[in-house]
Amino acid sequence: MVVDWTPLTAMALAALALVPGAGACNNGERRGQRRSRMVRGEKVTPLSSRFGKEQGFAFVLPQLAPVSGVGGAGASHCGACHEAIYKEWRGSSHAAALSDLQFQAELHKKSSPRWLCLNCHIPVQNQRRHLVKGLRGGNVLRPVLVKNPGFDPAMRSEGITCATCHVRKGPGGESVIVGARGSTRAPHPTRADPKALRTVCLRCHDPKGARITPTLMCWFQTRKELAEGAFSGKRDCVDCHMEAVRRRLAAGFSSLPLRQTRRHHWVGGGVPKRFTGYRTLLARGYRPGLEVTLEEASRASNGGVSFRAALENRRAGHWLPTADPERHLLLLATLLAADGRRLARKRRRIGQVWRWAPRAEKISDNRLEVKQRRSWAGAFGAVEARGAATLELKVWHVRLSSANAAHMRKAPVTEEWVPGLRRLLRRMERHYPMATLVYLERVNLATGHRARASAAELLRLSDAEKNVPLSGRDY
């Protein structure tokens, strides 16, 4: 028996762990195997006993049969007709969920429960070479693996593929496309479930439960931040991260009506997975949630220079930054000589600070809450400011610091999931963006003239980082 998973909420998904016979979607557990058993003299704990009903991410989505009328269940099959959406998805972070270099480096750590991490980065059972039948001694680092006869390597490379959100099992085991409206004209089975599509994000972006290993802290608070913020009840993930657009759902079908659909770019914080992503970021709807105002930048009577900037989380429905605890905003106030030389610099970091070993613990958190406004003021003394012609204020959204990147580049990885991974890591600064410049303004200290970079200029400067060695970067 195969139990369908309808993406109503993260809680609904996780409840499958308690449904008798939900085995085929629960990493291989089947009826009668929920109780602990012995394998080679060791007690094996079923996943449904190890993980609670709020932890749906611990179970893969069910094995999917080829969609009737389409020929498969992969994104490439969907893209044959839904060309525009397929193109948007291919440039998204979702499509790069498995191949992302930072994720791969984390995945290869000895402390990583790889099967569990993959449940969000390749969530459909078709994408998995092995299924998890249980945990030796209940230890997430010691899964019992069996080969998946339905493994599809092409679909695995698609990361968070179309089927993650849009394909589910029907009552007879057939694959059904879940959409916002459904259709009687589509060449494949459809089912309308708009509420499900609006909450499917929560399976991975709002994981629940207690600490799983001493160092695994993948529990984001984004949903809680949204629920407690100024946009609660007014916006959800889809409203902000999937722009509405009127168009035909499928190419080559002129008889189809124009209707409101959603973009599938998911640009998020605006740090793309490849440098080429900067060239289309604005067209894909990128707009930072942060608003920066340089309120003061002037020479003091003693020859020093003072500044004051206002920072506001104006547009994001969650805190800035959210989710990944290593993301942060880096503020830099720099005095420049007339020839561009750096004379002095002050820094401010906005984000979480964690101690990762021997046990992950949050040390501090000064992120910007929804609609929160905060000031940053500072002053350079007369000695520091001697010869200064310009005050420059920069703000970077940092996904990965240069120090962490240098460490990551040495990670002992295999190429099981990403061909050429070792070479990609060694040369990562050439093709893997680590930060996006979200604000830059310069003030001439003699005349007071200001020059603020446009959104396009900020992205051009971010793209230019691919030519800068790690040791020469601001972050």
Protein backbone atom coordinates (compact mmCIF):
# COMPACT_ATOMS: atom_id res chain seq x y z
CA MET A 1 0.00 0.00 0.00
CA VAL A 2 1.26 3.46 -0.90
CA VAL A 3 -0.10 6.46 0.95
CA ASP A 4 -0.40 9.75 -0.90
CA TRP A 5 1.16 12.90 0.55
CA THR A 6 -0.93 16.00 0.01
CA PRO A 7 1.17 19.06 0.93
CA LEU A 8 -1.28 20.76 3.28
CA THR A 9 1.17 21.67 6.01
CA ALA A 10 4.48 20.50 7.36
CA MET A 11 2.49 18.86 10.18
CA ALA A 12 0.29 17.00 7.70
CA LEU A 13 3.31 15.59 5.90
CA ALA A 14 4.95 14.47 9.09
CA ALA A 15 1.79 12.71 10.19
CA LEU A 16 2.52 10.09 7.52
CA ALA A 17 5.04 8.65 9.91
CA LEU A 18 2.08 7.56 12.03
CA VAL A 19 -0.05 6.14 9.21
CA PRO A 20 0.07 2.34 8.91
CA GLY A 21 1.42 1.36 5.52
CA ALA A 22 2.94 4.73 4.75
CA GLY A 23 6.19 2.90 4.16
CA ALA A 24 6.97 3.54 0.52
CA CYS A 25 7.22 7.27 1.19
CA ASN A 26 8.91 6.85 4.54
CA ASN A 27 12.38 6.03 3.23
CA GLY A 28 11.41 2.40 2.77
CA GLU A 29 9.51 1.49 5.95
CA ARG A 30 6.56 -0.83 5.35
CA ARG A 31 3.65 -2.27 7.28
CA GLY A 32 4.83 -4.37 10.18
CA GLN A 33 8.26 -2.76 10.30
CA ARG A 34 7.47 0.11 12.65
CA ARG A 35 8.69 -1.87 15.62
CA SER A 36 12.38 -2.19 16.26
CA ARG A 37 14.08 -5.22 14.70
CA MET A 38 17.56 -6.71 14.61
CA VAL A 39 20.09 -6.49 11.77
CA ARG A 40 23.35 -8.39 12.27
CA GLY A 41 22.82 -8.39 15.99
CA GLU A 42 22.02 -4.67 16.22
CA LYS A 43 18.69 -3.17 17.11
CA VAL A 44 17.24 -1.10 14.24
CA THR A 45 14.80 1.71 15.01
CA PRO A 46 12.16 2.60 12.38
CA LEU A 47 12.16 6.23 11.26
CA SER A 48 8.55 6.56 12.37
CA SER A 49 9.67 5.76 15.92
CA ARG A 50 12.77 7.98 15.84
CA PHE A 51 11.08 11.10 14.42
CA GLY A 52 7.97 12.86 15.69
CA LYS A 53 4.93 13.85 13.71
CA GLU A 54 6.18 17.42 13.26
CA GLN A 55 9.36 16.27 11.50
CA GLY A 56 8.13 15.51 8.00
CA PHE A 57 11.51 16.33 6.48
CA ALA A 58 12.75 12.99 7.85
CA PHE A 59 10.78 11.10 5.18
CA VAL A 60 11.22 11.18 1.42
CA LEU A 61 8.25 11.87 -0.84
CA PRO A 62 6.70 8.77 -2.46
CA GLN A 63 8.09 7.00 -5.51
CA LEU A 64 6.32 8.44 -8.55
CA ALA A 65 5.23 6.63 -11.68
CA PRO A 66 5.67 8.43 -15.02
CA VAL A 67 2.93 11.02 -15.43
CA SER A 68 0.42 9.79 -18.00
CA GLY A 69 0.53 11.91 -21.15
CA VAL A 70 3.91 13.38 -20.21
CA GLY A 71 6.25 10.40 -20.27
CA GLY A 72 8.00 10.92 -16.94
CA ALA A 73 8.00 12.74 -13.61
CA GLY A 74 11.12 14.88 -14.07
CA ALA A 75 11.42 18.61 -14.68
CA SER A 76 12.59 18.04 -18.25
CA HIS A 77 9.28 16.33 -19.00
CA CYS A 78 7.32 19.25 -17.56
CA GLY A 79 9.46 21.70 -19.52
CA ALA A 80 8.40 20.25 -22.85
CA CYS A 81 5.17 22.28 -22.54
CA HIS A 82 5.71 24.63 -19.60
CA GLU A 83 8.73 26.24 -21.21
CA ALA A 84 8.69 29.60 -19.40
CA ILE A 85 8.30 28.06 -15.95
CA TYR A 86 10.96 25.46 -16.72
CA LYS A 87 13.41 28.18 -17.76
CA GLU A 88 12.73 30.12 -14.57
CA TRP A 89 13.21 27.01 -12.43
CA ARG A 90 16.52 26.10 -14.15
CA GLY A 91 18.04 29.40 -13.02
CA SER A 92 16.75 29.05 -9.46
CA SER A 93 18.41 27.94 -6.24
CA HIS A 94 16.00 25.01 -6.15
CA ALA A 95 17.47 23.55 -9.32
CA ALA A 96 20.95 23.80 -7.77
CA ALA A 97 19.93 22.34 -4.42
CA LEU A 98 22.06 19.21 -4.82
CA SER A 99 25.01 20.69 -6.72
CA ASP A 100 25.42 23.74 -4.47
CA LEU A 101 29.05 23.77 -3.32
CA GLN A 102 28.42 24.93 0.23
CA PHE A 103 25.81 22.20 0.70
CA GLN A 104 28.15 19.57 -0.73
CA ALA A 105 30.95 20.56 1.63
CA GLU A 106 28.57 20.31 4.58
CA LEU A 107 27.18 17.02 3.32
CA HIS A 108 30.63 15.43 3.33
CA LYS A 109 31.38 16.18 6.98
CA LYS A 110 31.67 13.08 9.15
CA SER A 111 29.08 14.57 11.49
CA SER A 112 26.53 14.95 8.68
CA PRO A 113 23.47 12.63 8.55
CA ARG A 114 23.64 12.65 4.77
CA TRP A 115 20.39 10.80 4.09
CA LEU A 116 18.52 13.33 6.23
CA CYS A 117 20.08 16.37 4.53
CA LEU A 118 19.24 14.90 1.12
CA ASN A 119 15.59 14.64 2.11
CA CYS A 120 15.27 18.36 1.45
CA HIS A 121 17.78 18.74 -1.39
CA ILE A 122 16.55 15.75 -3.44
CA PRO A 123 13.21 15.05 -1.73
CA VAL A 124 11.49 12.58 -4.11
CA GLN A 125 12.16 8.87 -3.74
CA ASN A 126 12.88 8.55 -7.49
CA GLN A 127 15.96 10.72 -6.89
CA ARG A 128 17.48 8.46 -4.24
CA ARG A 129 19.95 5.71 -5.02
CA HIS A 130 19.33 4.21 -1.59
CA LEU A 131 16.37 4.08 0.78
CA VAL A 132 16.63 4.20 4.56
CA LYS A 133 15.05 1.16 6.22
CA GLY A 134 15.80 2.30 9.76
CA LEU A 135 18.55 3.48 12.09
CA ARG A 136 21.01 1.23 13.89
CA GLY A 137 20.53 1.92 17.57
CA GLY A 138 18.39 4.92 16.67
CA ASN A 139 21.56 6.73 15.50
CA VAL A 140 20.92 9.06 12.54
CA LEU A 141 24.56 8.64 11.49
CA ARG A 142 24.08 4.87 11.07
CA PRO A 143 21.20 4.33 8.64
CA VAL A 144 20.30 0.92 7.20
CA LEU A 145 20.38 1.43 3.44
CA VAL A 146 18.90 -0.62 0.61
CA LYS A 147 19.10 0.05 -3.11
CA ASN A 148 16.15 1.83 -4.68
CA PRO A 149 15.07 -0.10 -7.80
CA GLY A 150 13.26 3.03 -9.03
CA PHE A 151 16.30 5.33 -8.82
CA ASP A 152 16.42 7.90 -11.63
CA PRO A 153 19.88 9.55 -11.90
CA ALA A 154 18.64 12.19 -14.37
CA MET A 155 15.89 13.25 -11.99
CA ARG A 156 18.35 13.29 -9.08
CA SER A 157 20.42 15.97 -10.79
CA GLU A 158 17.35 18.21 -10.87
CA GLY A 159 17.56 18.94 -7.14
CA ILE A 160 14.28 20.37 -5.89
CA THR A 161 12.43 19.41 -9.02
CA CYS A 162 8.88 20.21 -10.22
CA ALA A 163 7.56 16.99 -8.69
CA THR A 164 8.59 18.14 -5.21
CA CYS A 165 5.63 20.52 -5.19
CA HIS A 166 3.44 19.50 -8.10
CA VAL A 167 3.28 15.70 -8.47
CA ARG A 168 1.46 13.40 -6.06
CA LYS A 169 0.03 9.90 -6.12
CA GLY A 170 -3.62 9.48 -7.08
CA PRO A 171 -6.02 6.92 -5.58
CA GLY A 172 -4.85 4.22 -7.98
CA GLY A 173 -1.14 4.91 -7.59
CA GLU A 174 -1.01 7.04 -10.74
CA SER A 175 0.89 10.33 -10.73
CA VAL A 176 -1.29 13.44 -10.64
CA ILE A 177 -0.25 17.05 -11.27
CA VAL A 178 -1.29 19.35 -8.41
CA GLY A 179 -2.03 22.90 -9.53
CA ALA A 180 -3.68 26.03 -8.25
CA ARG A 181 -6.76 25.54 -10.46
CA GLY A 182 -6.65 22.14 -12.11
CA SER A 183 -7.65 21.62 -15.73
CA THR A 184 -9.86 19.42 -17.87
CA ARG A 185 -7.83 20.29 -20.98
CA ALA A 186 -4.40 19.15 -19.82
CA PRO A 187 -2.89 16.01 -21.39
CA HIS A 188 -2.17 14.64 -17.92
CA PRO A 189 -4.20 14.02 -14.72
CA THR A 190 -4.60 17.16 -12.59
CA ARG A 191 -5.90 18.12 -9.17
CA ALA A 192 -6.59 21.63 -7.85
CA ASP A 193 -5.19 22.34 -4.40
CA PRO A 194 -4.05 25.97 -4.06
CA LYS A 195 -3.77 25.80 -0.27
CA ALA A 196 -1.40 22.85 -0.51
CA LEU A 197 0.88 24.68 -2.92
CA ARG A 198 1.04 27.72 -0.65
CA THR A 199 2.21 25.66 2.31
CA VAL A 200 4.47 23.09 0.67
CA CYS A 201 7.49 25.33 1.32
CA LEU A 202 7.21 24.62 5.03
CA ARG A 203 8.36 21.01 4.72
CA CYS A 204 11.96 22.16 4.39
CA HIS A 205 11.94 25.87 5.17
CA ASP A 206 10.28 25.42 8.56
CA PRO A 207 11.67 22.17 10.00
CA LYS A 208 10.59 21.30 13.51
CA GLY A 209 11.79 19.23 16.40
CA ALA A 210 14.63 18.81 18.82
CA ARG A 211 18.34 18.82 18.07
CA ILE A 212 19.19 15.72 16.01
CA THR A 213 22.98 15.69 16.40
CA PRO A 214 25.24 17.85 18.59
CA THR A 215 26.24 20.02 15.64
CA LEU A 216 23.21 19.88 13.32
CA MET A 217 21.21 23.08 13.68
CA CYS A 218 19.11 23.31 10.54
CA TRP A 219 16.03 24.57 12.37
CA PHE A 220 14.99 27.84 10.81
CA GLN A 221 12.58 30.26 12.46
CA THR A 222 11.34 31.96 9.28
CA ARG A 223 7.71 30.92 9.68
CA LYS A 224 7.65 32.12 13.29
CA GLU A 225 9.25 35.41 12.23
CA LEU A 226 6.54 35.88 9.60
CA ALA A 227 3.73 34.95 12.00
CA GLU A 228 4.91 37.50 14.57
CA GLY A 229 5.76 40.27 12.10
CA ALA A 230 3.92 43.18 10.52
CA PHE A 231 2.89 41.15 7.45
CA SER A 232 1.30 38.29 9.39
CA GLY A 233 -1.99 37.28 7.78
CA LYS A 234 -1.34 39.62 4.85
CA ARG A 235 1.46 37.84 2.97
CA ASP A 236 2.93 34.38 2.81
CA CYS A 237 5.98 32.79 1.14
CA VAL A 238 4.28 32.72 -2.28
CA ASP A 239 3.25 36.39 -2.23
CA CYS A 240 6.83 37.60 -1.80
CA HIS A 241 8.92 34.91 -3.45
CA MET A 242 6.77 33.96 -6.45
CA GLU A 243 5.75 37.09 -8.36
CA ALA A 244 2.32 36.96 -10.01
CA VAL A 245 2.22 37.23 -13.83
CA ARG A 246 -0.46 36.82 -16.50
CA ARG A 247 0.47 34.33 -19.20
CA ARG A 248 -0.44 31.04 -20.82
CA LEU A 249 0.64 28.06 -18.78
CA ALA A 250 1.97 26.11 -21.76
CA ALA A 251 3.78 27.12 -24.92
CA GLY A 252 2.30 26.27 -28.33
CA PHE A 253 -1.29 26.19 -27.08
CA SER A 254 -2.77 29.47 -28.32
CA SER A 255 -6.25 28.37 -27.31
CA LEU A 256 -5.27 28.44 -23.64
CA PRO A 257 -6.43 31.57 -21.80
CA LEU A 258 -4.14 34.16 -20.31
CA ARG A 259 -4.36 33.82 -16.56
CA GLN A 260 -2.50 34.67 -13.38
CA THR A 261 0.39 32.30 -12.72
CA ARG A 262 3.47 32.56 -10.55
CA ARG A 263 7.13 33.08 -11.39
CA HIS A 264 9.43 30.22 -10.34
CA HIS A 265 12.67 32.19 -9.83
CA TRP A 266 12.93 32.21 -6.00
CA VAL A 267 15.76 34.75 -5.95
CA GLY A 268 15.55 35.01 -2.14
CA GLY A 269 18.37 37.02 -0.61
CA GLY A 270 19.88 37.71 -4.02
CA VAL A 271 23.11 35.67 -3.84
CA PRO A 272 22.88 33.43 -6.93
CA LYS A 273 24.54 30.03 -7.29
CA ARG A 274 26.51 31.16 -10.35
CA PHE A 275 27.97 34.53 -11.28
CA THR A 276 25.94 34.57 -14.49
CA GLY A 277 22.87 34.83 -12.26
CA TYR A 278 23.66 38.48 -11.52
CA ARG A 279 22.91 39.43 -15.13
CA THR A 280 19.24 38.50 -14.81
CA LEU A 281 18.61 39.06 -11.10
CA LEU A 282 16.66 42.31 -11.50
CA ALA A 283 14.56 40.88 -14.32
CA ARG A 284 13.75 37.96 -12.04
CA GLY A 285 12.25 40.29 -9.45
CA TYR A 286 15.12 40.76 -7.01
CA ARG A 287 14.73 43.62 -4.56
CA PRO A 288 16.47 43.68 -1.17
CA GLY A 289 14.31 43.85 1.92
CA LEU A 290 16.86 46.18 3.52
CA GLU A 291 16.61 49.95 3.16
CA VAL A 292 19.72 51.99 3.99
CA THR A 293 19.84 55.77 4.49
CA LEU A 294 23.13 57.58 5.05
CA GLU A 295 21.89 60.36 7.32
CA GLU A 296 25.19 62.05 8.10
CA ALA A 297 28.75 62.06 6.76
CA SER A 298 30.85 65.10 7.56
CA ARG A 299 34.10 66.43 8.97
CA ALA A 300 34.14 67.37 12.62
CA SER A 301 35.71 70.56 13.93
CA ASN A 302 38.70 68.56 15.22
CA GLY A 303 39.47 67.21 11.72
CA GLY A 304 37.85 63.83 12.26
CA VAL A 305 34.94 62.38 10.28
CA SER A 306 31.61 61.25 11.70
CA PHE A 307 28.81 59.27 10.07
CA ARG A 308 25.37 57.92 10.87
CA ALA A 309 23.32 55.45 8.84
CA ALA A 310 19.75 54.18 9.32
CA LEU A 311 18.99 50.54 8.52
CA GLU A 312 15.44 49.28 8.14
CA ASN A 313 14.00 45.86 7.36
CA ARG A 314 11.35 47.50 5.22
CA ARG A 315 10.16 44.84 2.78
CA ALA A 316 10.95 41.37 4.14
CA GLY A 317 8.22 39.53 6.03
CA HIS A 318 10.86 37.80 8.16
CA TRP A 319 13.99 38.89 9.97
CA LEU A 320 17.06 39.93 7.99
CA PRO A 321 18.85 37.75 7.25
CA THR A 322 16.74 34.66 7.89
CA ALA A 323 17.27 30.89 7.87
CA ASP A 324 20.92 29.88 7.28
CA PRO A 325 22.71 30.95 10.48
CA GLU A 326 25.91 31.86 8.62
CA ARG A 327 24.22 34.52 6.48
CA HIS A 328 24.81 38.06 7.68
CA LEU A 329 24.86 41.70 6.66
CA LEU A 330 28.32 43.27 6.69
CA LEU A 331 28.42 47.06 7.03
CA LEU A 332 31.65 48.83 6.09
CA ALA A 333 32.40 52.54 6.59
CA THR A 334 35.66 53.41 4.85
CA LEU A 335 37.76 56.56 4.51
CA LEU A 336 39.39 56.88 1.09
CA ALA A 337 42.22 59.13 -0.07
CA ALA A 338 41.86 61.15 -3.27
CA ASP A 339 43.64 58.40 -5.20
CA GLY A 340 41.27 55.71 -3.84
CA ARG A 341 43.61 54.26 -1.18
CA ARG A 342 41.91 52.96 1.93
CA LEU A 343 42.95 54.97 5.00
CA ALA A 344 40.69 53.59 7.74
CA ARG A 345 37.66 51.31 8.07
CA LYS A 346 34.96 50.46 10.59
CA ARG A 347 32.81 47.32 10.50
CA ARG A 348 29.44 46.22 11.83
CA ARG A 349 28.04 42.70 11.46
CA ILE A 350 24.30 41.98 11.61
CA GLY A 351 23.42 38.33 11.97
CA GLN A 352 23.70 35.28 14.17
CA VAL A 353 26.93 34.13 15.80
CA TRP A 354 27.29 30.44 16.63
CA ARG A 355 29.77 28.17 18.33
CA TRP A 356 29.74 24.94 16.30
CA ALA A 357 31.90 22.53 18.29
CA PRO A 358 31.73 20.42 20.31
CA ARG A 359 28.03 21.38 20.40
CA ALA A 360 26.27 23.97 18.27
CA GLU A 361 25.14 26.89 20.41
CA LYS A 362 23.91 30.34 19.45
CA ILE A 363 26.05 33.02 21.10
CA SER A 364 24.30 36.14 19.84
CA ASP A 365 21.70 37.36 17.37
CA ASN A 366 21.33 41.00 16.32
CA ARG A 367 19.34 40.54 13.11
CA LEU A 368 16.76 43.11 12.02
CA GLU A 369 13.21 42.16 12.92
CA VAL A 370 10.33 42.88 10.53
CA LYS A 371 9.97 46.66 10.04
CA GLN A 372 12.69 47.28 12.63
CA ARG A 373 14.78 50.42 12.14
CA ARG A 374 18.23 50.74 13.66
CA SER A 375 21.06 53.29 13.50
CA TRP A 376 24.76 52.77 13.09
CA ALA A 377 26.91 55.73 14.02
CA GLY A 378 30.67 56.09 14.21
CA ALA A 379 33.56 58.49 14.06
CA PHE A 380 37.12 58.48 12.76
CA GLY A 381 39.69 60.48 14.70
CA ALA A 382 41.74 63.30 13.20
CA VAL A 383 44.77 61.05 12.70
CA GLU A 384 42.73 58.40 10.87
CA ALA A 385 40.98 61.03 8.75
CA ARG A 386 44.13 62.91 7.71
CA GLY A 387 44.16 63.07 3.91
CA ALA A 388 40.68 61.54 3.57
CA ALA A 389 38.71 62.78 0.57
CA THR A 390 35.74 60.41 0.60
CA LEU A 391 33.60 58.46 3.04
CA GLU A 392 32.28 55.23 1.56
CA LEU A 393 29.47 53.15 3.07
CA LYS A 394 28.93 49.58 1.83
CA VAL A 395 26.53 46.84 2.85
CA TRP A 396 27.08 43.24 1.76
CA HIS A 397 24.64 40.37 2.12
CA VAL A 398 27.09 37.56 2.88
CA ARG A 399 26.19 33.92 2.35
CA LEU A 400 29.69 32.56 2.84
CA SER A 401 32.69 34.33 4.33
CA SER A 402 36.09 34.03 2.69
CA ALA A 403 37.48 32.32 5.80
CA ASN A 404 34.79 29.64 5.64
CA ALA A 405 35.24 29.32 1.88
CA ALA A 406 38.99 28.70 2.31
CA HIS A 407 38.21 25.97 4.83
CA MET A 408 35.48 24.52 2.63
CA ARG A 409 37.82 24.36 -0.35
CA LYS A 410 39.89 21.75 1.53
CA ALA A 411 36.91 19.52 2.37
CA PRO A 412 37.60 15.78 1.75
CA VAL A 413 34.79 15.20 -0.73
CA THR A 414 33.77 12.43 -3.10
CA GLU A 415 32.09 12.95 -6.46
CA GLU A 416 29.13 10.68 -5.76
CA TRP A 417 26.57 13.45 -6.28
CA VAL A 418 28.43 16.11 -8.29
CA PRO A 419 30.96 15.15 -11.00
CA GLY A 420 34.12 17.27 -10.81
CA LEU A 421 33.30 18.46 -7.27
CA ARG A 422 36.94 18.55 -6.11
CA ARG A 423 37.96 20.80 -8.98
CA LEU A 424 34.90 23.01 -8.47
CA LEU A 425 35.76 23.51 -4.80
CA ARG A 426 39.41 24.30 -5.51
CA ARG A 427 38.37 27.05 -7.91
CA MET A 428 35.15 28.07 -6.19
CA GLU A 429 35.90 31.79 -5.96
CA ARG A 430 35.87 31.93 -9.77
CA HIS A 431 32.35 30.60 -10.23
CA TYR A 432 30.53 30.50 -6.86
CA PRO A 433 29.17 33.86 -5.57
CA MET A 434 29.46 34.25 -1.83
CA ALA A 435 28.00 37.73 -1.24
CA THR A 436 25.91 40.39 -2.96
CA LEU A 437 26.44 44.12 -2.56
CA VAL A 438 23.09 45.64 -1.51
CA TYR A 439 24.17 49.23 -0.86
CA LEU A 440 27.04 51.56 -1.80
CA GLU A 441 27.25 55.31 -1.35
CA ARG A 442 30.22 57.71 -1.42
CA VAL A 443 30.33 61.23 0.04
CA ASN A 444 32.88 63.85 -0.99
CA LEU A 445 34.00 65.24 2.37
CA ALA A 446 35.01 68.60 0.86
CA THR A 447 31.86 69.35 -1.15
CA GLY A 448 29.28 67.07 0.44
CA HIS A 449 28.41 65.66 -2.98
CA ARG A 450 26.93 62.17 -2.82
CA ALA A 451 26.97 59.31 -5.30
CA ARG A 452 24.79 56.27 -4.61
CA ALA A 453 25.13 53.14 -6.73
CA SER A 454 22.07 51.98 -8.66
CA ALA A 455 20.69 48.46 -8.32
CA ALA A 456 22.26 47.52 -11.65
CA GLU A 457 25.65 48.90 -10.59
CA LEU A 458 25.51 46.97 -7.30
CA LEU A 459 24.98 43.72 -9.17
CA ARG A 460 27.75 44.53 -11.65
CA LEU A 461 30.15 45.04 -8.74
CA SER A 462 28.94 41.80 -7.14
CA ASP A 463 29.56 39.96 -10.40
CA ALA A 464 33.09 41.45 -10.58
CA GLU A 465 34.00 39.59 -7.36
CA LYS A 466 34.70 36.46 -9.42
CA ASN A 467 38.05 37.99 -10.32
CA VAL A 468 39.00 38.81 -6.72
CA PRO A 469 41.02 36.31 -4.62
CA LEU A 470 39.55 35.37 -1.26
CA SER A 471 42.25 37.34 0.56
CA GLY A 472 41.25 40.53 -1.25
CA ARG A 473 37.53 40.47 -0.50
CA ASP A 474 35.70 42.59 2.06
CA TYR A 475 34.00 39.58 3.60
